Amino acid sequence: MSKYSFPYVALAMGIFFMLVVTIGGQLGEGGSTKLPLLTLLVVSEFAFFLCLIGAYLSLRRIIDLGFTSIHAVVGASCVILAVRFLMLGLAFWPL
């Protein structure tokens, strides 16, 4: 896999991990989440860094090759997912 295709893979995996975290974070019977808390935290952290790297590589591609709308949309989507994973990870963290 080249660094040029990584933002697309990061976006696809980020969407999949968002589904996992959203469905797994729902409260089940007894007031606990469907997935264990540590699993939700690890998935959120991994997906955060994955999407952040995807956004960075997309930005580098825009700088190197010029502006195209598809690269801007992929990069912006990765940024939005990274911010959302950060917020979800902080929300799951027990205080």
N, C-alpha and C. Protein backbone atom coordinates (compact mmCIF):
# COMPACT_ATOMS: atom_id res chain seq x y z
N MET A 1 0.85 -1.17 0.00
CA MET A 1 0.00 0.00 0.00
C MET A 1 0.90 1.23 0.00
N SER A 2 0.58 2.14 -0.88
CA SER A 2 1.37 3.35 -0.96
C SER A 2 0.79 4.42 -0.05
N LYS A 3 1.59 5.44 0.18
CA LYS A 3 1.12 6.52 1.05
C LYS A 3 0.03 7.34 0.38
N TYR A 4 -0.13 7.21 -0.92
CA TYR A 4 -1.18 7.94 -1.63
C TYR A 4 -2.55 7.30 -1.44
N SER A 5 -2.58 6.00 -1.25
CA SER A 5 -3.87 5.33 -1.06
C SER A 5 -4.25 5.22 0.42
N PHE A 6 -3.34 5.55 1.33
CA PHE A 6 -3.62 5.40 2.75
C PHE A 6 -4.80 6.24 3.24
N PRO A 7 -4.99 7.49 2.80
CA PRO A 7 -6.15 8.25 3.30
C PRO A 7 -7.49 7.59 2.98
N TYR A 8 -7.59 6.94 1.83
CA TYR A 8 -8.82 6.25 1.47
C TYR A 8 -9.06 5.05 2.39
N VAL A 9 -8.00 4.32 2.67
CA VAL A 9 -8.10 3.17 3.57
C VAL A 9 -8.41 3.65 4.98
N ALA A 10 -7.79 4.74 5.40
CA ALA A 10 -8.05 5.29 6.73
C ALA A 10 -9.50 5.74 6.86
N LEU A 11 -10.03 6.34 5.82
CA LEU A 11 -11.43 6.78 5.86
C LEU A 11 -12.38 5.59 5.95
N ALA A 12 -12.13 4.56 5.16
CA ALA A 12 -12.99 3.37 5.20
C ALA A 12 -12.91 2.68 6.56
N MET A 13 -11.70 2.52 7.07
CA MET A 13 -11.55 1.89 8.38
C MET A 13 -12.12 2.76 9.49
N GLY A 14 -11.98 4.08 9.35
CA GLY A 14 -12.54 4.99 10.35
C GLY A 14 -14.05 4.89 10.41
N ILE A 15 -14.70 4.78 9.26
CA ILE A 15 -16.15 4.62 9.25
C ILE A 15 -16.55 3.29 9.90
N PHE A 16 -15.81 2.23 9.60
CA PHE A 16 -16.09 0.93 10.22
C PHE A 16 -15.91 1.00 11.73
N PHE A 17 -14.80 1.60 12.19
CA PHE A 17 -14.56 1.70 13.63
C PHE A 17 -15.59 2.60 14.31
N MET A 18 -16.09 3.60 13.59
CA MET A 18 -17.14 4.45 14.16
C MET A 18 -18.40 3.62 14.41
N LEU A 19 -18.73 2.74 13.49
CA LEU A 19 -19.87 1.85 13.69
C LEU A 19 -19.65 0.93 14.89
N VAL A 20 -18.43 0.39 15.00
CA VAL A 20 -18.11 -0.50 16.11
C VAL A 20 -18.24 0.23 17.44
N VAL A 21 -17.67 1.42 17.52
CA VAL A 21 -17.70 2.18 18.78
C VAL A 21 -19.11 2.66 19.09
N THR A 22 -19.85 3.08 18.08
CA THR A 22 -21.20 3.57 18.32
C THR A 22 -22.13 2.45 18.78
N ILE A 23 -22.08 1.32 18.11
CA ILE A 23 -22.93 0.20 18.50
C ILE A 23 -22.43 -0.44 19.78
N GLY A 24 -21.13 -0.59 19.93
CA GLY A 24 -20.58 -1.21 21.13
C GLY A 24 -20.69 -0.33 22.36
N GLY A 25 -20.83 0.97 22.19
CA GLY A 25 -20.93 1.88 23.32
C GLY A 25 -22.33 2.06 23.86
N GLN A 26 -23.30 1.46 23.20
CA GLN A 26 -24.67 1.55 23.69
C GLN A 26 -24.81 0.76 24.98
N LEU A 27 -25.65 1.26 25.86
CA LEU A 27 -25.85 0.59 27.13
C LEU A 27 -26.72 -0.64 26.94
N GLY A 28 -26.24 -1.74 27.51
CA GLY A 28 -26.99 -2.99 27.45
C GLY A 28 -27.74 -3.19 28.75
N GLU A 29 -28.08 -4.41 28.99
CA GLU A 29 -28.78 -4.75 30.22
C GLU A 29 -27.83 -4.60 31.41
N GLY A 30 -28.33 -4.06 32.47
CA GLY A 30 -27.52 -3.89 33.67
C GLY A 30 -26.71 -2.60 33.66
N GLY A 31 -26.86 -1.75 32.67
CA GLY A 31 -26.17 -0.48 32.63
C GLY A 31 -24.75 -0.52 32.13
N SER A 32 -24.30 -1.65 31.61
CA SER A 32 -22.94 -1.73 31.06
C SER A 32 -23.01 -1.64 29.54
N THR A 33 -21.87 -1.30 28.93
CA THR A 33 -21.82 -1.18 27.49
C THR A 33 -21.77 -2.57 26.85
N LYS A 34 -22.14 -2.63 25.57
CA LYS A 34 -22.16 -3.91 24.87
C LYS A 34 -20.76 -4.48 24.69
N LEU A 35 -19.78 -3.61 24.46
CA LEU A 35 -18.38 -4.02 24.41
C LEU A 35 -17.70 -3.60 25.70
N PRO A 36 -16.66 -4.30 26.11
CA PRO A 36 -15.93 -3.88 27.32
C PRO A 36 -15.35 -2.47 27.15
N LEU A 37 -15.24 -1.77 28.26
CA LEU A 37 -14.79 -0.39 28.23
C LEU A 37 -13.38 -0.26 27.67
N LEU A 38 -12.49 -1.16 28.04
CA LEU A 38 -11.12 -1.09 27.54
C LEU A 38 -11.08 -1.28 26.02
N THR A 39 -11.93 -2.13 25.49
CA THR A 39 -12.01 -2.33 24.05
C THR A 39 -12.46 -1.06 23.36
N LEU A 40 -13.46 -0.40 23.91
CA LEU A 40 -13.94 0.86 23.33
C LEU A 40 -12.86 1.93 23.36
N LEU A 41 -12.10 2.00 24.43
CA LEU A 41 -11.03 2.99 24.53
C LEU A 41 -9.91 2.71 23.54
N VAL A 42 -9.53 1.45 23.40
CA VAL A 42 -8.44 1.09 22.49
C VAL A 42 -8.86 1.33 21.04
N VAL A 43 -10.07 0.95 20.68
CA VAL A 43 -10.54 1.16 19.32
C VAL A 43 -10.63 2.66 19.02
N SER A 44 -11.12 3.44 19.98
CA SER A 44 -11.22 4.88 19.77
C SER A 44 -9.84 5.51 19.59
N GLU A 45 -8.88 5.09 20.39
CA GLU A 45 -7.54 5.65 20.28
C GLU A 45 -6.87 5.25 18.97
N PHE A 46 -6.98 3.98 18.60
CA PHE A 46 -6.39 3.51 17.36
C PHE A 46 -7.00 4.23 16.16
N ALA A 47 -8.32 4.35 16.16
CA ALA A 47 -9.01 5.01 15.04
C ALA A 47 -8.68 6.50 15.00
N PHE A 48 -8.49 7.12 16.15
CA PHE A 48 -8.10 8.53 16.19
C PHE A 48 -6.77 8.73 15.47
N PHE A 49 -5.78 7.95 15.82
CA PHE A 49 -4.47 8.09 15.19
C PHE A 49 -4.51 7.69 13.71
N LEU A 50 -5.29 6.68 13.37
CA LEU A 50 -5.43 6.25 11.99
C LEU A 50 -6.00 7.39 11.13
N CYS A 51 -7.07 8.00 11.60
CA CYS A 51 -7.70 9.09 10.84
C CYS A 51 -6.83 10.34 10.83
N LEU A 52 -6.10 10.58 11.90
CA LEU A 52 -5.21 11.74 11.94
C LEU A 52 -4.08 11.59 10.92
N ILE A 53 -3.52 10.40 10.81
CA ILE A 53 -2.48 10.15 9.82
C ILE A 53 -3.06 10.24 8.41
N GLY A 54 -4.27 9.73 8.22
CA GLY A 54 -4.93 9.84 6.92
C GLY A 54 -5.16 11.28 6.52
N ALA A 55 -5.55 12.12 7.48
CA ALA A 55 -5.75 13.55 7.19
C ALA A 55 -4.43 14.23 6.84
N TYR A 56 -3.37 13.88 7.56
CA TYR A 56 -2.06 14.47 7.30
C TYR A 56 -1.57 14.10 5.91
N LEU A 57 -1.68 12.82 5.55
CA LEU A 57 -1.21 12.39 4.23
C LEU A 57 -2.06 12.97 3.11
N SER A 58 -3.33 13.15 3.37
CA SER A 58 -4.18 13.80 2.38
C SER A 58 -3.78 15.27 2.19
N LEU A 59 -3.48 15.95 3.27
CA LEU A 59 -3.02 17.34 3.18
C LEU A 59 -1.69 17.43 2.44
N ARG A 60 -0.78 16.50 2.73
CA ARG A 60 0.51 16.49 2.03
C ARG A 60 0.32 16.26 0.53
N ARG A 61 -0.64 15.41 0.18
CA ARG A 61 -0.90 15.16 -1.24
C ARG A 61 -1.47 16.41 -1.91
N ILE A 62 -2.34 17.13 -1.21
CA ILE A 62 -2.89 18.37 -1.77
C ILE A 62 -1.77 19.39 -1.96
N ILE A 63 -0.85 19.48 -1.02
CA ILE A 63 0.26 20.43 -1.14
C ILE A 63 1.19 20.02 -2.29
N ASP A 64 1.47 18.73 -2.41
CA ASP A 64 2.41 18.26 -3.42
C ASP A 64 1.82 18.31 -4.84
N LEU A 65 0.58 17.88 -5.02
CA LEU A 65 0.02 17.73 -6.36
C LEU A 65 -1.00 18.78 -6.72
N GLY A 66 -1.38 19.62 -5.79
CA GLY A 66 -2.39 20.62 -6.07
C GLY A 66 -3.74 20.21 -5.53
N PHE A 67 -4.62 21.19 -5.47
CA PHE A 67 -5.94 20.97 -4.88
C PHE A 67 -6.85 20.20 -5.82
N THR A 68 -7.43 19.13 -5.28
CA THR A 68 -8.52 18.42 -5.96
C THR A 68 -9.61 18.19 -4.92
N SER A 69 -10.83 18.20 -5.37
CA SER A 69 -11.94 18.12 -4.42
C SER A 69 -12.01 16.78 -3.71
N ILE A 70 -11.67 15.69 -4.38
CA ILE A 70 -11.75 14.38 -3.74
C ILE A 70 -10.76 14.26 -2.60
N HIS A 71 -9.56 14.79 -2.80
CA HIS A 71 -8.57 14.73 -1.72
C HIS A 71 -8.97 15.64 -0.56
N ALA A 72 -9.59 16.75 -0.87
CA ALA A 72 -10.06 17.66 0.19
C ALA A 72 -11.19 17.01 0.98
N VAL A 73 -12.09 16.33 0.30
CA VAL A 73 -13.21 15.67 0.99
C VAL A 73 -12.71 14.53 1.86
N VAL A 74 -11.79 13.74 1.34
CA VAL A 74 -11.24 12.63 2.12
C VAL A 74 -10.48 13.17 3.33
N GLY A 75 -9.68 14.20 3.14
CA GLY A 75 -8.93 14.78 4.25
C GLY A 75 -9.84 15.39 5.30
N ALA A 76 -10.86 16.11 4.86
CA ALA A 76 -11.80 16.72 5.81
C ALA A 76 -12.59 15.65 6.55
N SER A 77 -12.96 14.59 5.87
CA SER A 77 -13.68 13.50 6.52
C SER A 77 -12.81 12.82 7.57
N CYS A 78 -11.53 12.65 7.27
CA CYS A 78 -10.62 12.06 8.24
C CYS A 78 -10.46 12.97 9.47
N VAL A 79 -10.40 14.28 9.24
CA VAL A 79 -10.31 15.21 10.37
C VAL A 79 -11.56 15.14 11.23
N ILE A 80 -12.72 15.11 10.60
CA ILE A 80 -13.98 15.03 11.35
C ILE A 80 -14.06 13.75 12.15
N LEU A 81 -13.67 12.63 11.54
CA LEU A 81 -13.67 11.36 12.26
C LEU A 81 -12.67 11.37 13.41
N ALA A 82 -11.49 11.95 13.19
CA ALA A 82 -10.48 11.99 14.25
C ALA A 82 -10.99 12.80 15.45
N VAL A 83 -11.62 13.93 15.18
CA VAL A 83 -12.16 14.74 16.28
C VAL A 83 -13.26 13.98 17.01
N ARG A 84 -14.11 13.29 16.26
CA ARG A 84 -15.21 12.54 16.88
C ARG A 84 -14.66 11.38 17.71
N PHE A 85 -13.63 10.69 17.24
CA PHE A 85 -13.03 9.61 18.03
C PHE A 85 -12.39 10.15 19.30
N LEU A 86 -11.79 11.32 19.20
CA LEU A 86 -11.22 11.95 20.40
C LEU A 86 -12.32 12.24 21.41
N MET A 87 -13.43 12.80 20.95
CA MET A 87 -14.53 13.11 21.85
C MET A 87 -15.15 11.85 22.46
N LEU A 88 -15.30 10.81 21.66
CA LEU A 88 -15.85 9.55 22.17
C LEU A 88 -14.91 8.91 23.18
N GLY A 89 -13.62 8.93 22.88
CA GLY A 89 -12.65 8.36 23.82
C GLY A 89 -12.66 9.07 25.16
N LEU A 90 -12.76 10.38 25.12
CA LEU A 90 -12.83 11.14 26.38
C LEU A 90 -14.15 10.90 27.10
N ALA A 91 -15.22 10.69 26.34
CA ALA A 91 -16.53 10.43 26.98
C ALA A 91 -16.56 9.05 27.63
N PHE A 92 -15.86 8.08 27.05
CA PHE A 92 -15.84 6.73 27.63
C PHE A 92 -14.92 6.64 28.84
N TRP A 93 -13.96 7.55 28.93
CA TRP A 93 -12.97 7.47 30.00
C TRP A 93 -13.64 7.68 31.36
N PRO A 94 -13.47 6.71 32.27
CA PRO A 94 -14.11 6.87 33.59
C PRO A 94 -13.35 7.86 34.46
N LEU A 95 -14.07 8.78 35.05
CA LEU A 95 -13.44 9.76 35.93
C LEU A 95 -13.73 9.47 37.37
